[in-house]
Amino acid sequence: MSPLSRPSARHPYLLFLEDHGARVTTPEGQELGLILDAPEGAVRRTQWAEALQRLLPKGASVQACVGLSRLGLHCQETPSMPAREAQEVALRVVAAEQPGAAMLVGHALDPDAEARGGHIHWTAWLPASDLNGWASALEASGMDWVHASAWPRVLLRALPPAPGSARDRVVLALAPQLGRLLFFRGPALILQRNFRLSADLSQEESLELAVEETARTLQFYKQRFRGSVPGDLLVVGASILPEALDARLRAMGLATRCAPEPLEGLLLRGLALERAAHGLDLRPGHVQEAHRRRTLKAILVLAAVALLAAFTLGGGLVHTQEKLLEAEAARVEAELVRRRAEDQGRLRVVAARFPLLRLRAAEQRQAQSTARISRLAATLLSAPPGLEIEKVEIQQHPGQETALAFQVSGTALTGSSFSVGPLAGYVSDLQRLSGLSLDPLKDIRVSDRVVAGETGVQTRALTRFALSGSLR
């Protein structure tokens, strides 16, 4: 099957592996059927493959939650280490626990700020024969086995946080005909106890048996781990506990809570979290390697397709861009020709009208100059009483259309007691004209005045003056 034709593994189907067989569910948790255990050999592979083909669509992705009784687990505090070193640690642990046995080994490293070294190293092992049969059956039925993790770790992934800052907690998980008691310290599994529940027992009788097992296991736990007193018990798989059983658990120092979510919902969520985090994986090595190769092949094929699409799209964009640039160049060239024609037309019009415009401009400048000279002359000839203007000369500076020079001469009577008199008023009036500036007075002569028919010198003398300045 091509990697591109394989169904998406984002929502795989589920196998819950127990000693009596495997329960098959949809990604949403809806049960599809039960595949019973069979003797080892070719018959087992054939029966399981046929059952998988009957229950699941062709080419489906599958992940497993392993709850077999032969599953071994070990947690220890360690510092951070590379993946290869963590795998070597897991192999040494399994060699010490199961010397000489063919085992499937999985490991994971979880951060824990309160642990020595800051991490908890999980090691899980299982006889190879327990999962090799499922690997063969899944391969024969054309299924893609994407992940397999240990049941206690899957449950831990989905547990709600412990109340307060407590690190030691107890989980009582109740399933049909099976109960599990798990003691956790932070992200580490300290102790696990499995016990059978008869199908003939009522729910209240099963709960009573579970509480009895909890009491015995808690006593063993306190003797083995002295100084550790768990105070929180989370019951999964029961919505409520009878008051008598709850009171008994509280008498043992356990604050009891019932999880609002059913056990199957927690396992579904825990499997999704564990697989997304690339956590502990118990699949046989050849299955993991084949899955990595398929994933790498799919990535390479997708990369090749993406590269080919990018080249095709890039070529199309370049061709389109070239066409757009050609069209834009043609438009710009046509616009340039049009503007050149317009400029030439304007130049011809200007060349034809320039002499007339120059004549009109000269006439306008002459009229403005005449008006300025007339205004200046009127101002210079406006003499107050007691002052006579004898001569006014106005000149226009060559090349400067707005600059006028003037000279004024005349006589003026002084004021009483020979004060300046009307000449001061005349100069003051001239200075009020905007743009007019006067040169310093340099030719002023004052003489006594004698009036015919009168004797003696008059009190008002005669001043002869000459003024010059400019108007801009």
Protein backbone atom coordinates (compact mmCIF):
# COMPACT_ATOMS: atom_id res chain seq x y z
CA MET A 1 0.00 0.00 0.00
CA SER A 2 1.32 3.44 -0.90
CA PRO A 3 2.08 5.73 2.06
CA LEU A 4 -0.20 8.32 0.53
CA SER A 5 -3.14 5.90 0.30
CA ARG A 6 -2.96 4.82 3.95
CA PRO A 7 -5.77 6.22 6.15
CA SER A 8 -4.87 9.01 8.53
CA ALA A 9 -3.35 7.85 11.82
CA ARG A 10 -4.41 10.93 13.75
CA HIS A 11 -7.45 9.03 15.15
CA PRO A 12 -6.49 5.34 15.25
CA TYR A 13 -8.70 2.47 16.38
CA LEU A 14 -7.98 0.99 19.83
CA LEU A 15 -6.99 -2.44 21.13
CA PHE A 16 -7.32 -2.97 24.88
CA LEU A 17 -5.14 -6.05 25.46
CA GLU A 18 -6.03 -8.18 28.50
CA ASP A 19 -5.22 -11.77 29.48
CA HIS A 20 -8.53 -13.09 28.18
CA GLY A 21 -8.24 -11.31 24.80
CA ALA A 22 -8.51 -7.89 23.18
CA ARG A 23 -11.40 -5.44 23.14
CA VAL A 24 -11.62 -3.43 19.89
CA THR A 25 -13.15 0.08 19.88
CA THR A 26 -13.51 3.01 17.53
CA PRO A 27 -11.39 6.18 18.08
CA GLU A 28 -14.40 7.55 20.00
CA GLY A 29 -14.55 4.53 22.33
CA GLN A 30 -17.50 2.68 20.83
CA GLU A 31 -16.92 -1.06 21.25
CA LEU A 32 -16.73 -3.02 18.01
CA GLY A 33 -16.10 -6.50 19.38
CA LEU A 34 -13.95 -8.83 21.49
CA ILE A 35 -11.11 -10.95 20.10
CA LEU A 36 -10.52 -13.91 22.41
CA ASP A 37 -7.12 -15.32 23.21
CA ALA A 38 -5.92 -18.35 21.26
CA PRO A 39 -3.04 -20.83 21.56
CA GLU A 40 0.26 -19.65 20.15
CA GLY A 41 1.14 -20.53 16.57
CA ALA A 42 -0.20 -20.06 13.07
CA VAL A 43 -3.80 -20.66 14.19
CA ARG A 44 -3.65 -17.68 16.57
CA ARG A 45 -2.30 -15.39 13.84
CA THR A 46 -4.98 -16.53 11.38
CA GLN A 47 -7.84 -16.18 13.85
CA TRP A 48 -6.75 -12.75 15.04
CA ALA A 49 -6.13 -11.48 11.49
CA GLU A 50 -9.60 -12.64 10.39
CA ALA A 51 -11.20 -11.01 13.42
CA LEU A 52 -9.37 -7.73 12.77
CA GLN A 53 -10.40 -7.74 9.11
CA ARG A 54 -14.00 -8.36 10.17
CA LEU A 55 -14.09 -5.56 12.77
CA LEU A 56 -11.90 -2.85 11.20
CA PRO A 57 -11.76 -1.21 7.77
CA LYS A 58 -8.94 -2.10 5.44
CA GLY A 59 -5.68 -0.30 6.16
CA ALA A 60 -6.88 1.12 9.49
CA SER A 61 -4.43 2.57 12.01
CA VAL A 62 -4.40 0.84 15.40
CA GLN A 63 -2.90 1.65 18.81
CA ALA A 64 -2.90 -0.66 21.83
CA CYS A 65 -3.32 -0.23 25.58
CA VAL A 66 -1.48 -3.16 27.20
CA GLY A 67 -3.01 -4.42 30.44
CA LEU A 68 -1.61 -7.97 30.45
CA SER A 69 -0.73 -9.49 33.83
CA ARG A 70 2.81 -10.33 32.61
CA LEU A 71 3.53 -6.64 32.07
CA GLY A 72 6.42 -5.45 34.24
CA LEU A 73 7.01 -1.85 35.29
CA HIS A 74 9.86 -0.08 37.05
CA CYS A 75 10.26 3.62 37.90
CA GLN A 76 13.40 5.28 39.23
CA GLU A 77 14.70 8.78 39.80
CA THR A 78 17.42 9.78 37.33
CA PRO A 79 19.04 12.89 35.89
CA SER A 80 18.35 13.95 32.34
CA MET A 81 19.94 11.67 29.73
CA PRO A 82 19.95 11.18 25.96
CA ALA A 83 17.50 8.71 24.39
CA ARG A 84 20.20 6.13 23.67
CA GLU A 85 21.44 6.19 27.27
CA ALA A 86 17.84 5.95 28.58
CA GLN A 87 17.33 2.86 26.40
CA GLU A 88 20.51 1.27 27.79
CA VAL A 89 19.28 1.91 31.34
CA ALA A 90 15.96 0.23 30.50
CA LEU A 91 17.74 -2.82 29.03
CA ARG A 92 19.90 -3.18 32.15
CA VAL A 93 16.80 -3.02 34.39
CA VAL A 94 15.04 -5.73 32.36
CA ALA A 95 18.17 -7.91 32.28
CA ALA A 96 18.26 -7.76 36.09
CA GLU A 97 14.52 -8.47 36.45
CA GLN A 98 14.16 -11.13 33.71
CA PRO A 99 17.61 -12.58 32.97
CA GLY A 100 17.83 -14.62 29.77
CA ALA A 101 14.20 -14.07 28.70
CA ALA A 102 13.16 -12.63 25.35
CA MET A 103 11.44 -9.38 26.28
CA LEU A 104 9.96 -6.37 24.56
CA VAL A 105 11.24 -3.25 26.35
CA GLY A 106 9.84 0.29 26.38
CA HIS A 107 11.06 3.34 28.26
CA ALA A 108 10.20 7.00 28.84
CA LEU A 109 11.73 9.91 30.74
CA ASP A 110 9.40 12.32 32.56
CA PRO A 111 10.43 15.58 34.28
CA ASP A 112 9.83 15.77 38.04
CA ALA A 113 11.16 18.81 39.88
CA GLU A 114 10.99 17.07 43.29
CA ALA A 115 12.83 13.90 42.23
CA ARG A 116 16.58 13.40 42.69
CA GLY A 117 18.01 14.31 39.30
CA GLY A 118 14.83 16.05 38.26
CA HIS A 119 13.41 13.14 36.20
CA ILE A 120 11.52 9.83 36.51
CA HIS A 121 12.62 7.02 34.20
CA TRP A 122 9.91 4.50 33.31
CA THR A 123 10.83 0.99 32.13
CA ALA A 124 8.20 -1.47 30.89
CA TRP A 125 8.76 -5.04 29.67
CA LEU A 126 6.68 -7.88 28.37
CA PRO A 127 7.43 -11.36 26.97
CA ALA A 128 8.00 -10.96 23.26
CA SER A 129 5.52 -13.72 22.47
CA ASP A 130 2.65 -11.69 23.98
CA LEU A 131 2.85 -8.95 21.33
CA ASN A 132 4.58 -10.69 18.42
CA GLY A 133 1.35 -12.55 17.70
CA TRP A 134 -0.58 -9.29 17.50
CA ALA A 135 2.15 -7.78 15.33
CA SER A 136 1.86 -10.70 12.88
CA ALA A 137 -1.94 -10.57 12.86
CA LEU A 138 -2.02 -6.80 12.26
CA GLU A 139 0.53 -7.10 9.48
CA ALA A 140 -1.37 -9.98 7.85
CA SER A 141 -4.62 -8.01 7.96
CA GLY A 142 -3.02 -4.90 6.42
CA MET A 143 -3.36 -2.74 9.55
CA ASP A 144 -0.90 -0.05 10.62
CA TRP A 145 0.17 -0.46 14.29
CA VAL A 146 1.08 3.07 15.36
CA HIS A 147 1.61 2.79 19.15
CA ALA A 148 1.36 0.52 22.22
CA SER A 149 1.71 1.71 25.81
CA ALA A 150 1.34 0.27 29.31
CA TRP A 151 -2.07 0.50 30.99
CA PRO A 152 -0.92 2.24 34.24
CA ARG A 153 1.01 4.91 32.32
CA VAL A 154 -1.94 5.57 30.03
CA LEU A 155 -4.19 6.04 33.07
CA LEU A 156 -1.64 8.36 34.75
CA ARG A 157 -1.55 10.56 31.65
CA ALA A 158 -5.28 11.28 31.89
CA LEU A 159 -5.71 11.57 35.69
CA PRO A 160 -6.93 14.92 37.03
CA PRO A 161 -4.38 16.77 39.21
CA ALA A 162 -4.08 15.75 42.84
CA PRO A 163 -5.68 18.12 45.37
CA GLY A 164 -3.30 20.57 46.98
CA SER A 165 0.42 19.79 46.77
CA ALA A 166 0.14 16.07 47.63
CA ARG A 167 2.54 13.82 45.71
CA ASP A 168 1.40 10.44 47.06
CA ARG A 169 -1.96 9.32 45.70
CA VAL A 170 -3.89 6.07 45.28
CA VAL A 171 -6.07 5.17 42.29
CA LEU A 172 -8.66 2.41 42.45
CA ALA A 173 -9.71 1.46 38.92
CA LEU A 174 -12.72 -0.85 38.56
CA ALA A 175 -13.35 -2.68 35.30
CA PRO A 176 -15.60 -5.68 34.54
CA GLN A 177 -14.18 -8.68 36.47
CA LEU A 178 -10.94 -6.82 37.26
CA GLY A 179 -9.80 -4.28 39.78
CA ARG A 180 -6.49 -2.43 39.86
CA LEU A 181 -4.97 -0.53 42.77
CA LEU A 182 -2.13 1.84 41.84
CA PHE A 183 0.07 3.92 44.15
CA PHE A 184 1.70 6.95 42.50
CA ARG A 185 4.32 9.37 43.78
CA GLY A 186 4.34 12.31 41.45
CA PRO A 187 4.74 10.88 37.91
CA ALA A 188 6.19 7.57 39.21
CA LEU A 189 4.34 4.29 39.82
CA ILE A 190 5.39 2.94 43.24
CA LEU A 191 3.15 -0.11 43.66
CA GLN A 192 0.45 -1.91 41.66
CA ARG A 193 -2.03 -4.58 42.82
CA ASN A 194 -4.46 -6.40 40.53
CA PHE A 195 -7.39 -8.47 41.82
CA ARG A 196 -10.22 -10.37 40.21
CA LEU A 197 -13.89 -9.48 40.58
CA SER A 198 -16.36 -12.31 40.01
CA ALA A 199 -19.06 -11.72 37.43
CA ASP A 200 -21.61 -13.08 39.93
CA LEU A 201 -21.03 -10.22 42.39
CA SER A 202 -23.31 -7.19 42.49
CA GLN A 203 -21.86 -3.70 42.16
CA GLU A 204 -22.04 -3.11 45.93
CA GLU A 205 -20.35 -6.46 46.62
CA SER A 206 -17.62 -5.63 44.10
CA LEU A 207 -17.06 -2.27 45.77
CA GLU A 208 -16.86 -3.93 49.18
CA LEU A 209 -14.26 -6.40 47.89
CA ALA A 210 -12.30 -3.53 46.32
CA VAL A 211 -12.28 -1.62 49.62
CA GLU A 212 -11.06 -4.75 51.42
CA GLU A 213 -8.21 -5.12 48.91
CA THR A 214 -7.43 -1.43 49.33
CA ALA A 215 -7.14 -1.80 53.10
CA ARG A 216 -4.77 -4.78 52.85
CA THR A 217 -2.62 -3.20 50.14
CA LEU A 218 -2.46 0.12 52.00
CA GLN A 219 -1.19 -1.70 55.11
CA PHE A 220 1.51 -3.40 53.02
CA TYR A 221 2.41 -0.09 51.39
CA LYS A 222 2.87 1.67 54.76
CA GLN A 223 5.11 -1.15 56.01
CA ARG A 224 7.25 -1.18 52.87
CA PHE A 225 7.47 2.59 52.35
CA ARG A 226 7.72 3.94 55.87
CA GLY A 227 7.09 7.64 56.20
CA SER A 228 4.90 7.75 53.08
CA VAL A 229 1.22 8.20 53.94
CA PRO A 230 -1.01 8.75 50.89
CA GLY A 231 -4.07 10.79 51.73
CA ASP A 232 -5.99 10.86 48.44
CA LEU A 233 -7.93 7.99 46.83
CA LEU A 234 -9.40 8.46 43.38
CA VAL A 235 -12.01 5.85 42.42
CA VAL A 236 -12.37 5.32 38.67
CA GLY A 237 -15.20 3.23 37.30
CA ALA A 238 -17.76 3.97 40.04
CA SER A 239 -19.88 7.10 40.17
CA ILE A 240 -20.54 6.92 43.93
CA LEU A 241 -19.47 4.91 46.98
CA PRO A 242 -21.86 3.70 49.68
CA GLU A 243 -21.59 5.72 52.88
CA ALA A 244 -20.32 2.77 54.89
CA LEU A 245 -17.48 2.04 52.48
CA ASP A 246 -16.62 5.72 52.19
CA ALA A 247 -16.48 6.03 55.98
CA ARG A 248 -14.19 3.00 56.14
CA LEU A 249 -11.79 4.51 53.62
CA ARG A 250 -11.77 7.81 55.48
CA ALA A 251 -10.99 5.92 58.68
CA MET A 252 -7.83 4.68 56.89
CA GLY A 253 -6.83 8.30 56.22
CA LEU A 254 -7.92 8.39 52.58
CA ALA A 255 -9.94 11.31 51.26
CA THR A 256 -12.10 9.59 48.67
CA ARG A 257 -13.12 11.10 45.32
CA CYS A 258 -14.94 9.49 42.42
CA ALA A 259 -13.73 10.47 38.96
CA PRO A 260 -16.57 12.07 36.95
CA GLU A 261 -15.24 10.50 33.76
CA PRO A 262 -15.63 6.74 33.12
CA LEU A 263 -12.54 4.55 32.97
CA GLU A 264 -12.78 4.06 29.23
CA GLY A 265 -12.90 7.83 28.62
CA LEU A 266 -9.76 8.34 30.72
CA LEU A 267 -7.93 5.59 28.83
CA LEU A 268 -8.92 7.06 25.47
CA ARG A 269 -7.63 10.49 26.47
CA GLY A 270 -4.50 9.05 28.06
CA LEU A 271 -3.66 7.07 24.91
CA ALA A 272 -3.97 10.19 22.78
CA LEU A 273 -1.72 12.17 25.15
CA GLU A 274 0.85 9.38 25.42
CA ARG A 275 1.09 8.91 21.67
CA ALA A 276 1.26 12.65 20.99
CA ALA A 277 4.16 12.93 23.46
CA HIS A 278 5.99 9.96 21.86
CA GLY A 279 6.04 8.26 25.26
CA LEU A 280 6.59 4.68 26.30
CA ASP A 281 6.19 2.30 23.31
CA LEU A 282 6.03 -1.52 23.65
CA ARG A 283 5.71 -2.48 19.99
CA PRO A 284 8.26 -5.01 18.69
CA GLY A 285 11.40 -3.43 17.29
CA HIS A 286 10.76 -4.49 13.69
CA VAL A 287 7.27 -2.90 13.83
CA GLN A 288 8.69 0.39 15.10
CA GLU A 289 11.42 0.35 12.46
CA ALA A 290 8.93 -0.42 9.68
CA HIS A 291 6.68 2.38 10.92
CA ARG A 292 9.61 4.82 10.98
CA ARG A 293 10.54 3.82 7.43
CA ARG A 294 6.96 4.26 6.22
CA THR A 295 6.78 7.64 7.91
CA LEU A 296 10.10 8.68 6.39
CA LYS A 297 9.00 7.41 2.98
CA ALA A 298 5.73 9.31 3.25
CA ILE A 299 7.63 12.46 4.26
CA LEU A 300 10.01 12.05 1.31
CA VAL A 301 7.13 11.47 -1.11
CA LEU A 302 5.27 14.48 0.25
CA ALA A 303 8.44 16.56 0.06
CA ALA A 304 9.00 15.46 -3.56
CA VAL A 305 5.38 16.24 -4.46
CA ALA A 306 5.60 19.59 -2.67
CA LEU A 307 8.87 20.37 -4.45
CA LEU A 308 7.42 19.42 -7.84
CA ALA A 309 4.31 21.48 -7.11
CA ALA A 310 6.50 24.38 -6.01
CA PHE A 311 8.53 24.20 -9.24
CA THR A 312 5.37 23.96 -11.34
CA LEU A 313 3.74 26.81 -9.48
CA GLY A 314 6.95 28.81 -9.60
CA GLY A 315 7.25 28.30 -13.36
CA GLY A 316 3.64 29.35 -13.84
CA LEU A 317 4.15 32.43 -11.67
CA VAL A 318 7.34 33.36 -13.56
CA HIS A 319 5.57 32.97 -16.91
CA THR A 320 2.61 35.00 -15.68
CA GLN A 321 4.95 37.64 -14.29
CA GLU A 322 6.78 37.85 -17.62
CA LYS A 323 3.50 38.38 -19.46
CA LEU A 324 2.48 41.05 -16.98
CA LEU A 325 5.85 42.78 -17.31
CA GLU A 326 5.62 42.69 -21.12
CA ALA A 327 2.13 44.19 -21.02
CA GLU A 328 3.28 46.82 -18.54
CA ALA A 329 6.31 47.68 -20.70
CA ALA A 330 4.08 48.08 -23.78
CA ARG A 331 1.69 50.29 -21.81
CA VAL A 332 4.54 52.45 -20.47
CA GLU A 333 6.03 52.82 -23.96
CA ALA A 334 2.66 53.86 -25.41
CA GLU A 335 2.21 56.33 -22.56
CA LEU A 336 5.69 57.75 -23.21
CA VAL A 337 4.92 58.24 -26.92
CA ARG A 338 1.64 59.96 -26.01
CA ARG A 339 3.31 62.29 -23.53
CA ARG A 340 6.05 63.17 -26.02
CA ALA A 341 3.39 64.09 -28.58
CA GLU A 342 1.57 66.21 -25.99
CA ASP A 343 4.82 67.95 -24.99
CA GLN A 344 5.63 68.75 -28.63
CA GLY A 345 2.14 70.16 -29.12
CA ARG A 346 2.49 72.33 -26.03
CA LEU A 347 5.92 73.52 -27.23
CA ARG A 348 4.45 74.56 -30.58
CA VAL A 349 1.65 76.44 -28.86
CA VAL A 350 4.11 78.17 -26.50
CA ALA A 351 6.43 79.05 -29.40
CA ALA A 352 3.50 80.63 -31.25
CA ARG A 353 2.22 82.53 -28.23
CA PHE A 354 5.54 83.49 -26.63
CA PRO A 355 6.04 86.88 -28.41
CA LEU A 356 2.50 87.94 -27.50
CA LEU A 357 2.96 86.74 -23.91
CA ARG A 358 6.26 88.59 -23.66
CA LEU A 359 4.67 91.77 -24.97
CA ARG A 360 1.78 91.45 -22.53
CA ALA A 361 4.19 90.80 -19.68
CA ALA A 362 6.21 93.88 -20.64
CA GLU A 363 3.05 95.99 -20.79
CA GLN A 364 1.97 94.65 -17.42
CA ARG A 365 5.37 95.40 -15.89
CA GLN A 366 5.29 98.90 -17.39
CA ALA A 367 1.83 99.55 -15.99
CA GLN A 368 2.90 98.32 -12.57
CA SER A 369 6.04 100.50 -12.70
CA THR A 370 4.02 103.55 -13.77
CA ALA A 371 1.54 102.98 -10.95
CA ARG A 372 4.36 102.69 -8.41
CA ILE A 373 6.04 105.87 -9.72
CA SER A 374 2.72 107.74 -9.60
CA ARG A 375 2.05 106.56 -6.06
CA LEU A 376 5.57 107.56 -4.97
CA ALA A 377 5.35 110.94 -6.70
CA ALA A 378 2.01 111.69 -5.05
CA THR A 379 3.50 110.86 -1.68
CA LEU A 380 6.63 112.96 -2.24
CA LEU A 381 4.61 116.00 -3.47
CA SER A 382 2.17 115.89 -0.53
CA ALA A 383 3.84 118.74 1.36
CA PRO A 384 2.34 119.97 4.64
CA PRO A 385 1.79 123.73 5.28
CA GLY A 386 5.07 125.58 5.77
CA LEU A 387 7.03 123.31 3.42
CA GLU A 388 7.59 123.89 -0.28
CA ILE A 389 8.87 121.27 -2.72
CA GLU A 390 11.23 122.72 -5.31
CA LYS A 391 12.38 119.61 -7.13
CA VAL A 392 11.46 115.88 -7.23
CA GLU A 393 13.49 113.33 -9.20
CA ILE A 394 12.46 109.64 -9.50
CA GLN A 395 14.61 107.00 -11.19
CA GLN A 396 14.14 103.29 -11.84
CA HIS A 397 17.24 101.14 -11.31
CA PRO A 398 18.27 99.33 -14.48
CA GLY A 399 17.38 95.59 -14.37
CA GLN A 400 15.35 95.98 -11.17
CA GLU A 401 11.69 96.39 -12.02
CA THR A 402 10.54 97.04 -8.46
CA ALA A 403 13.34 99.33 -7.20
CA LEU A 404 12.89 103.13 -7.46
CA ALA A 405 15.32 105.83 -6.32
CA PHE A 406 14.25 109.39 -5.60
CA GLN A 407 15.61 112.77 -4.58
CA VAL A 408 13.58 115.67 -3.09
CA SER A 409 14.73 119.23 -2.39
CA GLY A 410 12.88 122.23 -1.07
CA THR A 411 12.47 124.65 1.80
CA ALA A 412 10.60 124.48 5.05
CA LEU A 413 9.89 126.84 7.88
CA THR A 414 11.05 125.87 11.32
CA GLY A 415 8.67 125.74 14.19
CA SER A 416 8.42 128.24 16.93
CA SER A 417 11.72 128.90 18.70
CA PHE A 418 13.48 127.35 15.67
CA SER A 419 12.22 123.84 16.21
CA VAL A 420 12.28 121.39 13.29
CA GLY A 421 8.72 122.14 12.33
CA PRO A 422 6.86 120.77 9.26
CA LEU A 423 9.99 119.00 7.86
CA ALA A 424 9.75 116.42 10.67
CA GLY A 425 6.11 115.74 9.84
CA TYR A 426 6.94 115.40 6.11
CA VAL A 427 9.70 112.84 6.83
CA SER A 428 7.38 110.95 9.17
CA ASP A 429 4.69 110.74 6.44
CA LEU A 430 7.21 109.42 3.94
CA GLN A 431 8.36 106.66 6.29
CA ARG A 432 4.83 105.36 6.61
CA LEU A 433 4.87 104.29 2.95
CA SER A 434 5.47 100.51 2.77
CA GLY A 435 8.85 99.59 1.23
CA LEU A 436 10.26 103.14 1.38
CA SER A 437 13.61 103.77 3.02
CA LEU A 438 15.33 107.18 3.49
CA ASP A 439 19.01 107.91 3.31
CA PRO A 440 20.54 109.96 6.14
CA LEU A 441 19.92 113.72 5.80
CA LYS A 442 23.14 115.30 4.58
CA ASP A 443 22.32 118.66 3.00
CA ILE A 444 20.36 120.88 5.40
CA ARG A 445 20.94 124.60 5.77
CA VAL A 446 19.08 126.86 8.20
CA SER A 447 19.06 130.67 7.78
CA ASP A 448 17.25 133.57 9.41
CA ARG A 449 14.18 134.82 7.70
CA VAL A 450 13.35 138.54 7.15
CA VAL A 451 9.91 139.52 5.99
CA ALA A 452 9.51 142.66 3.90
CA GLY A 453 7.78 145.49 5.74
CA GLU A 454 8.71 144.02 9.11
CA THR A 455 11.65 144.93 11.27
CA GLY A 456 13.89 142.42 13.03
CA VAL A 457 14.48 138.67 12.67
CA GLN A 458 11.43 136.42 12.54
CA THR A 459 10.89 133.68 15.15
CA ARG A 460 10.59 131.08 12.39
CA ALA A 461 13.71 130.43 10.37
CA LEU A 462 14.04 129.00 6.86
CA THR A 463 15.42 125.47 6.34
CA ARG A 464 16.71 124.32 2.95
CA PHE A 465 16.83 120.55 2.67
CA ALA A 466 17.59 117.69 0.25
CA LEU A 467 16.28 114.13 0.80
CA SER A 468 17.11 110.88 -1.01
CA GLY A 469 15.91 107.30 -0.67
CA SER A 470 14.50 104.24 -2.41
CA LEU A 471 11.25 102.27 -2.74
CA ARG A 472 11.22 98.52 -3.20
